[in-house]
Amino acid sequence: MSTPESTRKLDLDPDGLAVRREVLGVSHVDASLERADEITGEFQEMITRYAWGGIWTRPGLDRRMRSAITLTALVAHGHLAELELHLRAALRNGLTREEIVEVLLQSAIYCGVPAANSAFGVAKRVLAEPDPTE
């Protein structure tokens, strides 16, 4: 971060930042913010404000439900790196391993078997890890 613009402090929504850290984990979020530069800084501000502060803080759904929906959307669009991150988040948000498998099975029908097959490969790796909630 060598240009004056890249050394500016990020303008992060405090509520969104708190939820983002709770859901994704402090180390992941802080590492993402530390890597922010003149190209990605505004994106970090946007997702913290709108996704995490605007959507994830709404009272209409609990975090478990939001995680299940997010997993399905990520499977549908084949975003496997984000799926890996959000599988860990789903565990933090209280989904059980069995419920995650059910979400992926449901996704197989509505998102397609090939997409779910790839998702199960990611889930197999993530669910073999120690439980992040313990």
N, C-alpha and C. Protein backbone atom coordinates (compact mmCIF):
# COMPACT_ATOMS: atom_id res chain seq x y z
N MET A 1 0.84 -1.17 0.00
CA MET A 1 0.00 0.00 0.00
C MET A 1 0.89 1.23 0.00
N SER A 2 1.31 1.62 -1.18
CA SER A 2 2.30 2.68 -1.27
C SER A 2 1.75 4.03 -1.73
N THR A 3 0.56 4.07 -2.29
CA THR A 3 0.03 5.34 -2.75
C THR A 3 -0.77 5.99 -1.63
N PRO A 4 -0.93 7.32 -1.65
CA PRO A 4 -1.71 7.98 -0.61
C PRO A 4 -3.13 7.43 -0.48
N GLU A 5 -3.75 7.11 -1.63
CA GLU A 5 -5.12 6.57 -1.57
C GLU A 5 -5.14 5.23 -0.87
N SER A 6 -4.10 4.42 -1.08
CA SER A 6 -4.12 3.08 -0.50
C SER A 6 -3.83 3.09 0.99
N THR A 7 -3.32 4.18 1.52
CA THR A 7 -3.04 4.23 2.95
C THR A 7 -4.21 4.83 3.73
N ARG A 8 -5.28 5.18 3.05
CA ARG A 8 -6.42 5.74 3.76
C ARG A 8 -7.05 4.66 4.64
N LYS A 9 -7.62 5.10 5.72
CA LYS A 9 -8.29 4.19 6.64
C LYS A 9 -9.62 3.76 6.03
N LEU A 10 -9.92 2.48 6.13
CA LEU A 10 -11.19 1.99 5.60
C LEU A 10 -12.33 2.52 6.45
N ASP A 11 -13.43 2.89 5.81
CA ASP A 11 -14.63 3.38 6.47
C ASP A 11 -15.59 2.20 6.60
N LEU A 12 -15.49 1.46 7.72
CA LEU A 12 -16.24 0.22 7.89
C LEU A 12 -17.42 0.42 8.82
N ASP A 13 -18.58 -0.06 8.40
CA ASP A 13 -19.77 -0.04 9.23
C ASP A 13 -19.52 -0.88 10.48
N PRO A 14 -19.62 -0.30 11.68
CA PRO A 14 -19.28 -1.04 12.90
C PRO A 14 -20.18 -2.25 13.16
N ASP A 15 -21.49 -2.13 12.88
CA ASP A 15 -22.38 -3.27 13.08
C ASP A 15 -22.06 -4.38 12.08
N GLY A 16 -21.85 -3.99 10.84
CA GLY A 16 -21.50 -4.97 9.81
C GLY A 16 -20.18 -5.65 10.11
N LEU A 17 -19.21 -4.88 10.58
CA LEU A 17 -17.91 -5.45 10.92
C LEU A 17 -18.03 -6.45 12.06
N ALA A 18 -18.83 -6.12 13.05
CA ALA A 18 -19.01 -7.03 14.19
C ALA A 18 -19.64 -8.35 13.74
N VAL A 19 -20.70 -8.28 12.93
CA VAL A 19 -21.36 -9.49 12.45
C VAL A 19 -20.43 -10.27 11.54
N ARG A 20 -19.74 -9.58 10.67
CA ARG A 20 -18.81 -10.25 9.74
C ARG A 20 -17.76 -11.03 10.52
N ARG A 21 -17.21 -10.44 11.57
CA ARG A 21 -16.21 -11.13 12.39
C ARG A 21 -16.82 -12.32 13.13
N GLU A 22 -18.04 -12.16 13.65
CA GLU A 22 -18.69 -13.25 14.36
C GLU A 22 -18.98 -14.43 13.44
N VAL A 23 -19.42 -14.14 12.23
CA VAL A 23 -19.82 -15.19 11.30
C VAL A 23 -18.62 -15.84 10.62
N LEU A 24 -17.69 -15.04 10.12
CA LEU A 24 -16.58 -15.58 9.33
C LEU A 24 -15.32 -15.84 10.16
N GLY A 25 -15.26 -15.27 11.34
CA GLY A 25 -14.08 -15.42 12.18
C GLY A 25 -13.19 -14.19 12.10
N VAL A 26 -12.70 -13.78 13.24
CA VAL A 26 -11.89 -12.56 13.33
C VAL A 26 -10.65 -12.64 12.45
N SER A 27 -9.94 -13.76 12.49
CA SER A 27 -8.68 -13.84 11.74
C SER A 27 -8.92 -13.73 10.24
N HIS A 28 -9.97 -14.36 9.72
CA HIS A 28 -10.26 -14.27 8.29
C HIS A 28 -10.60 -12.83 7.90
N VAL A 29 -11.48 -12.20 8.66
CA VAL A 29 -11.92 -10.85 8.32
C VAL A 29 -10.76 -9.87 8.43
N ASP A 30 -10.01 -9.95 9.52
CA ASP A 30 -8.90 -9.02 9.69
C ASP A 30 -7.84 -9.19 8.61
N ALA A 31 -7.60 -10.43 8.20
CA ALA A 31 -6.64 -10.67 7.11
C ALA A 31 -7.16 -10.06 5.80
N SER A 32 -8.46 -10.19 5.54
CA SER A 32 -9.04 -9.59 4.34
C SER A 32 -8.90 -8.08 4.36
N LEU A 33 -9.14 -7.49 5.52
CA LEU A 33 -9.04 -6.03 5.63
C LEU A 33 -7.59 -5.57 5.53
N GLU A 34 -6.67 -6.33 6.07
CA GLU A 34 -5.25 -5.96 5.98
C GLU A 34 -4.74 -6.02 4.55
N ARG A 35 -5.31 -6.90 3.73
CA ARG A 35 -4.91 -7.01 2.31
C ARG A 35 -5.56 -5.95 1.44
N ALA A 36 -6.52 -5.22 1.99
CA ALA A 36 -7.23 -4.21 1.20
C ALA A 36 -6.25 -3.15 0.71
N ASP A 37 -6.45 -2.75 -0.53
CA ASP A 37 -5.59 -1.73 -1.12
C ASP A 37 -6.45 -0.78 -1.94
N GLU A 38 -5.82 0.00 -2.79
CA GLU A 38 -6.58 0.97 -3.58
C GLU A 38 -7.55 0.31 -4.56
N ILE A 39 -7.36 -0.96 -4.84
CA ILE A 39 -8.26 -1.68 -5.74
C ILE A 39 -9.40 -2.34 -4.96
N THR A 40 -9.10 -2.91 -3.81
CA THR A 40 -10.09 -3.70 -3.08
C THR A 40 -10.69 -3.01 -1.85
N GLY A 41 -10.13 -1.88 -1.45
CA GLY A 41 -10.60 -1.21 -0.23
C GLY A 41 -12.07 -0.84 -0.28
N GLU A 42 -12.51 -0.25 -1.38
CA GLU A 42 -13.91 0.15 -1.47
C GLU A 42 -14.84 -1.06 -1.49
N PHE A 43 -14.37 -2.16 -2.07
CA PHE A 43 -15.17 -3.39 -2.06
C PHE A 43 -15.32 -3.90 -0.62
N GLN A 44 -14.24 -3.87 0.15
CA GLN A 44 -14.32 -4.29 1.56
C GLN A 44 -15.31 -3.42 2.33
N GLU A 45 -15.29 -2.13 2.07
CA GLU A 45 -16.24 -1.22 2.71
C GLU A 45 -17.67 -1.56 2.30
N MET A 46 -17.87 -1.82 1.02
CA MET A 46 -19.21 -2.10 0.49
C MET A 46 -19.78 -3.37 1.10
N ILE A 47 -19.02 -4.47 1.08
CA ILE A 47 -19.58 -5.72 1.60
C ILE A 47 -19.79 -5.65 3.11
N THR A 48 -18.92 -4.92 3.81
CA THR A 48 -19.11 -4.78 5.26
C THR A 48 -20.37 -3.98 5.55
N ARG A 49 -20.61 -2.94 4.77
CA ARG A 49 -21.78 -2.08 4.99
C ARG A 49 -23.07 -2.75 4.52
N TYR A 50 -23.10 -3.25 3.30
CA TYR A 50 -24.36 -3.71 2.72
C TYR A 50 -24.66 -5.18 2.99
N ALA A 51 -23.69 -6.05 2.79
CA ALA A 51 -23.96 -7.47 3.03
C ALA A 51 -24.06 -7.76 4.53
N TRP A 52 -23.03 -7.34 5.26
CA TRP A 52 -22.97 -7.68 6.69
C TRP A 52 -23.76 -6.73 7.56
N GLY A 53 -23.72 -5.44 7.27
CA GLY A 53 -24.45 -4.46 8.07
C GLY A 53 -25.90 -4.29 7.63
N GLY A 54 -26.15 -4.44 6.34
CA GLY A 54 -27.49 -4.22 5.81
C GLY A 54 -28.36 -5.46 5.77
N ILE A 55 -27.77 -6.62 5.48
CA ILE A 55 -28.55 -7.85 5.34
C ILE A 55 -28.41 -8.76 6.55
N TRP A 56 -27.18 -9.10 6.92
CA TRP A 56 -26.98 -10.06 8.01
C TRP A 56 -27.45 -9.53 9.37
N THR A 57 -27.65 -8.23 9.51
CA THR A 57 -28.13 -7.69 10.79
C THR A 57 -29.64 -7.53 10.83
N ARG A 58 -30.33 -7.81 9.73
CA ARG A 58 -31.80 -7.67 9.71
C ARG A 58 -32.43 -8.68 10.67
N PRO A 59 -33.56 -8.32 11.28
CA PRO A 59 -34.19 -9.21 12.26
C PRO A 59 -35.05 -10.32 11.66
N GLY A 60 -35.34 -10.30 10.38
CA GLY A 60 -36.31 -11.23 9.79
C GLY A 60 -35.91 -12.70 9.76
N LEU A 61 -34.62 -12.99 9.72
CA LEU A 61 -34.13 -14.37 9.69
C LEU A 61 -33.00 -14.49 10.71
N ASP A 62 -32.90 -15.67 11.30
CA ASP A 62 -31.75 -15.88 12.20
C ASP A 62 -30.52 -16.27 11.37
N ARG A 63 -29.39 -16.30 12.02
CA ARG A 63 -28.14 -16.58 11.30
C ARG A 63 -28.09 -17.99 10.74
N ARG A 64 -28.72 -18.93 11.40
CA ARG A 64 -28.75 -20.30 10.88
C ARG A 64 -29.44 -20.31 9.51
N MET A 65 -30.59 -19.66 9.44
CA MET A 65 -31.33 -19.62 8.18
C MET A 65 -30.54 -18.87 7.12
N ARG A 66 -29.93 -17.75 7.50
CA ARG A 66 -29.13 -16.99 6.53
C ARG A 66 -27.98 -17.84 6.01
N SER A 67 -27.36 -18.62 6.89
CA SER A 67 -26.28 -19.51 6.45
C SER A 67 -26.78 -20.56 5.47
N ALA A 68 -27.92 -21.17 5.76
CA ALA A 68 -28.46 -22.20 4.87
C ALA A 68 -28.75 -21.61 3.48
N ILE A 69 -29.34 -20.43 3.46
CA ILE A 69 -29.62 -19.76 2.19
C ILE A 69 -28.33 -19.43 1.45
N THR A 70 -27.35 -18.94 2.18
CA THR A 70 -26.07 -18.58 1.56
C THR A 70 -25.38 -19.80 0.97
N LEU A 71 -25.40 -20.92 1.70
CA LEU A 71 -24.79 -22.14 1.16
C LEU A 71 -25.46 -22.53 -0.16
N THR A 72 -26.78 -22.48 -0.19
CA THR A 72 -27.51 -22.85 -1.41
C THR A 72 -27.15 -21.94 -2.57
N ALA A 73 -27.09 -20.64 -2.31
CA ALA A 73 -26.75 -19.69 -3.38
C ALA A 73 -25.33 -19.93 -3.90
N LEU A 74 -24.42 -20.23 -3.00
CA LEU A 74 -23.04 -20.46 -3.41
C LEU A 74 -22.91 -21.75 -4.22
N VAL A 75 -23.66 -22.78 -3.83
CA VAL A 75 -23.68 -24.02 -4.63
C VAL A 75 -24.25 -23.72 -6.01
N ALA A 76 -25.35 -23.00 -6.06
CA ALA A 76 -26.02 -22.71 -7.33
C ALA A 76 -25.11 -22.00 -8.32
N HIS A 77 -24.28 -21.13 -7.81
CA HIS A 77 -23.42 -20.35 -8.69
C HIS A 77 -22.00 -20.90 -8.80
N GLY A 78 -21.73 -22.01 -8.13
CA GLY A 78 -20.43 -22.65 -8.24
C GLY A 78 -19.29 -21.88 -7.59
N HIS A 79 -19.60 -21.11 -6.58
CA HIS A 79 -18.57 -20.31 -5.88
C HIS A 79 -17.96 -21.14 -4.75
N LEU A 80 -17.07 -22.06 -5.12
CA LEU A 80 -16.58 -23.05 -4.18
C LEU A 80 -15.65 -22.47 -3.11
N ALA A 81 -14.86 -21.46 -3.43
CA ALA A 81 -13.99 -20.86 -2.42
C ALA A 81 -14.84 -20.17 -1.35
N GLU A 82 -15.86 -19.45 -1.79
CA GLU A 82 -16.78 -18.81 -0.84
C GLU A 82 -17.58 -19.87 -0.08
N LEU A 83 -17.92 -20.96 -0.74
CA LEU A 83 -18.65 -22.04 -0.08
C LEU A 83 -17.83 -22.59 1.08
N GLU A 84 -16.55 -22.78 0.86
CA GLU A 84 -15.67 -23.29 1.93
C GLU A 84 -15.73 -22.35 3.14
N LEU A 85 -15.59 -21.07 2.89
CA LEU A 85 -15.65 -20.08 3.95
C LEU A 85 -17.00 -20.12 4.67
N HIS A 86 -18.08 -20.20 3.91
CA HIS A 86 -19.41 -20.15 4.51
C HIS A 86 -19.84 -21.48 5.12
N LEU A 87 -19.20 -22.58 4.76
CA LEU A 87 -19.45 -23.83 5.49
C LEU A 87 -18.95 -23.70 6.92
N ARG A 88 -17.77 -23.13 7.08
CA ARG A 88 -17.26 -22.88 8.44
C ARG A 88 -18.17 -21.90 9.19
N ALA A 89 -18.63 -20.88 8.48
CA ALA A 89 -19.53 -19.90 9.08
C ALA A 89 -20.84 -20.57 9.51
N ALA A 90 -21.35 -21.47 8.69
CA ALA A 90 -22.60 -22.16 9.03
C ALA A 90 -22.45 -22.95 10.33
N LEU A 91 -21.32 -23.59 10.51
CA LEU A 91 -21.07 -24.29 11.77
C LEU A 91 -21.04 -23.29 12.93
N ARG A 92 -20.36 -22.16 12.73
CA ARG A 92 -20.33 -21.12 13.78
C ARG A 92 -21.72 -20.60 14.09
N ASN A 93 -22.58 -20.57 13.07
CA ASN A 93 -23.94 -20.05 13.23
C ASN A 93 -24.91 -21.10 13.75
N GLY A 94 -24.43 -22.28 14.05
CA GLY A 94 -25.28 -23.28 14.69
C GLY A 94 -25.83 -24.38 13.82
N LEU A 95 -25.54 -24.39 12.52
CA LEU A 95 -25.97 -25.52 11.71
C LEU A 95 -25.14 -26.73 12.10
N THR A 96 -25.78 -27.87 12.18
CA THR A 96 -25.04 -29.11 12.46
C THR A 96 -24.47 -29.65 11.15
N ARG A 97 -23.56 -30.57 11.28
CA ARG A 97 -23.00 -31.21 10.09
C ARG A 97 -24.12 -31.92 9.31
N GLU A 98 -25.05 -32.53 10.03
CA GLU A 98 -26.17 -33.23 9.39
C GLU A 98 -27.06 -32.24 8.63
N GLU A 99 -27.30 -31.08 9.21
CA GLU A 99 -28.12 -30.07 8.51
C GLU A 99 -27.40 -29.55 7.27
N ILE A 100 -26.10 -29.40 7.34
CA ILE A 100 -25.34 -28.95 6.17
C ILE A 100 -25.46 -29.98 5.05
N VAL A 101 -25.36 -31.25 5.38
CA VAL A 101 -25.54 -32.30 4.38
C VAL A 101 -26.93 -32.20 3.76
N GLU A 102 -27.94 -31.96 4.58
CA GLU A 102 -29.31 -31.82 4.07
C GLU A 102 -29.44 -30.63 3.13
N VAL A 103 -28.81 -29.51 3.48
CA VAL A 103 -28.83 -28.33 2.61
C VAL A 103 -28.19 -28.68 1.26
N LEU A 104 -27.10 -29.40 1.29
CA LEU A 104 -26.43 -29.77 0.04
C LEU A 104 -27.26 -30.76 -0.78
N LEU A 105 -27.93 -31.68 -0.10
CA LEU A 105 -28.82 -32.60 -0.82
C LEU A 105 -29.98 -31.84 -1.47
N GLN A 106 -30.57 -30.91 -0.74
CA GLN A 106 -31.64 -30.07 -1.28
C GLN A 106 -31.12 -29.29 -2.49
N SER A 107 -29.89 -28.77 -2.35
CA SER A 107 -29.28 -28.01 -3.44
C SER A 107 -29.06 -28.87 -4.68
N ALA A 108 -28.80 -30.15 -4.48
CA ALA A 108 -28.59 -31.03 -5.63
C ALA A 108 -29.82 -31.04 -6.54
N ILE A 109 -30.99 -31.02 -5.94
CA ILE A 109 -32.22 -31.05 -6.72
C ILE A 109 -32.49 -29.72 -7.41
N TYR A 110 -32.29 -28.62 -6.68
CA TYR A 110 -32.67 -27.30 -7.21
C TYR A 110 -31.54 -26.56 -7.91
N CYS A 111 -30.29 -26.96 -7.64
CA CYS A 111 -29.15 -26.27 -8.26
C CYS A 111 -28.42 -27.15 -9.27
N GLY A 112 -28.65 -28.44 -9.19
CA GLY A 112 -28.03 -29.37 -10.12
C GLY A 112 -27.06 -30.31 -9.43
N VAL A 113 -27.06 -31.54 -9.90
CA VAL A 113 -26.21 -32.58 -9.32
C VAL A 113 -24.72 -32.25 -9.48
N PRO A 114 -24.26 -31.78 -10.65
CA PRO A 114 -22.84 -31.46 -10.75
C PRO A 114 -22.39 -30.38 -9.75
N ALA A 115 -23.23 -29.37 -9.56
CA ALA A 115 -22.90 -28.30 -8.60
C ALA A 115 -22.83 -28.87 -7.19
N ALA A 116 -23.79 -29.71 -6.84
CA ALA A 116 -23.79 -30.31 -5.51
C ALA A 116 -22.64 -31.29 -5.34
N ASN A 117 -22.29 -31.99 -6.39
CA ASN A 117 -21.15 -32.91 -6.31
C ASN A 117 -19.88 -32.16 -5.95
N SER A 118 -19.65 -31.04 -6.60
CA SER A 118 -18.49 -30.21 -6.27
C SER A 118 -18.59 -29.68 -4.84
N ALA A 119 -19.79 -29.28 -4.45
CA ALA A 119 -20.00 -28.75 -3.10
C ALA A 119 -19.73 -29.83 -2.05
N PHE A 120 -20.14 -31.05 -2.31
CA PHE A 120 -19.87 -32.13 -1.35
C PHE A 120 -18.37 -32.38 -1.21
N GLY A 121 -17.62 -32.20 -2.29
CA GLY A 121 -16.17 -32.33 -2.19
C GLY A 121 -15.58 -31.30 -1.24
N VAL A 122 -16.05 -30.07 -1.33
CA VAL A 122 -15.60 -29.00 -0.43
C VAL A 122 -16.07 -29.30 0.98
N ALA A 123 -17.32 -29.70 1.13
CA ALA A 123 -17.88 -29.97 2.45
C ALA A 123 -17.14 -31.12 3.14
N LYS A 124 -16.77 -32.12 2.38
CA LYS A 124 -16.06 -33.25 2.97
C LYS A 124 -14.76 -32.79 3.63
N ARG A 125 -14.04 -31.89 2.96
CA ARG A 125 -12.80 -31.35 3.53
C ARG A 125 -13.08 -30.51 4.77
N VAL A 126 -14.05 -29.60 4.64
CA VAL A 126 -14.33 -28.67 5.74
C VAL A 126 -14.90 -29.42 6.95
N LEU A 127 -15.80 -30.34 6.73
CA LEU A 127 -16.42 -31.04 7.85
C LEU A 127 -15.48 -32.03 8.52
N ALA A 128 -14.35 -32.34 7.90
CA ALA A 128 -13.33 -33.17 8.52
C ALA A 128 -12.45 -32.37 9.47
N GLU A 129 -12.52 -31.06 9.38
CA GLU A 129 -11.74 -30.18 10.26
C GLU A 129 -12.33 -30.18 11.66
N PRO A 130 -11.54 -29.82 12.65
CA PRO A 130 -12.10 -29.66 14.00
C PRO A 130 -13.24 -28.65 13.99
N ASP A 131 -14.24 -28.87 14.80
CA ASP A 131 -15.40 -27.97 14.87
C ASP A 131 -14.96 -26.59 15.33
N PRO A 132 -15.22 -25.54 14.52
CA PRO A 132 -14.78 -24.20 14.89
C PRO A 132 -15.51 -23.63 16.10
N THR A 133 -16.59 -24.27 16.52
CA THR A 133 -17.34 -23.77 17.67
C THR A 133 -16.83 -24.33 18.99
N GLU A 134 -15.93 -25.30 18.92
CA GLU A 134 -15.43 -25.92 20.16
C GLU A 134 -14.17 -25.24 20.62
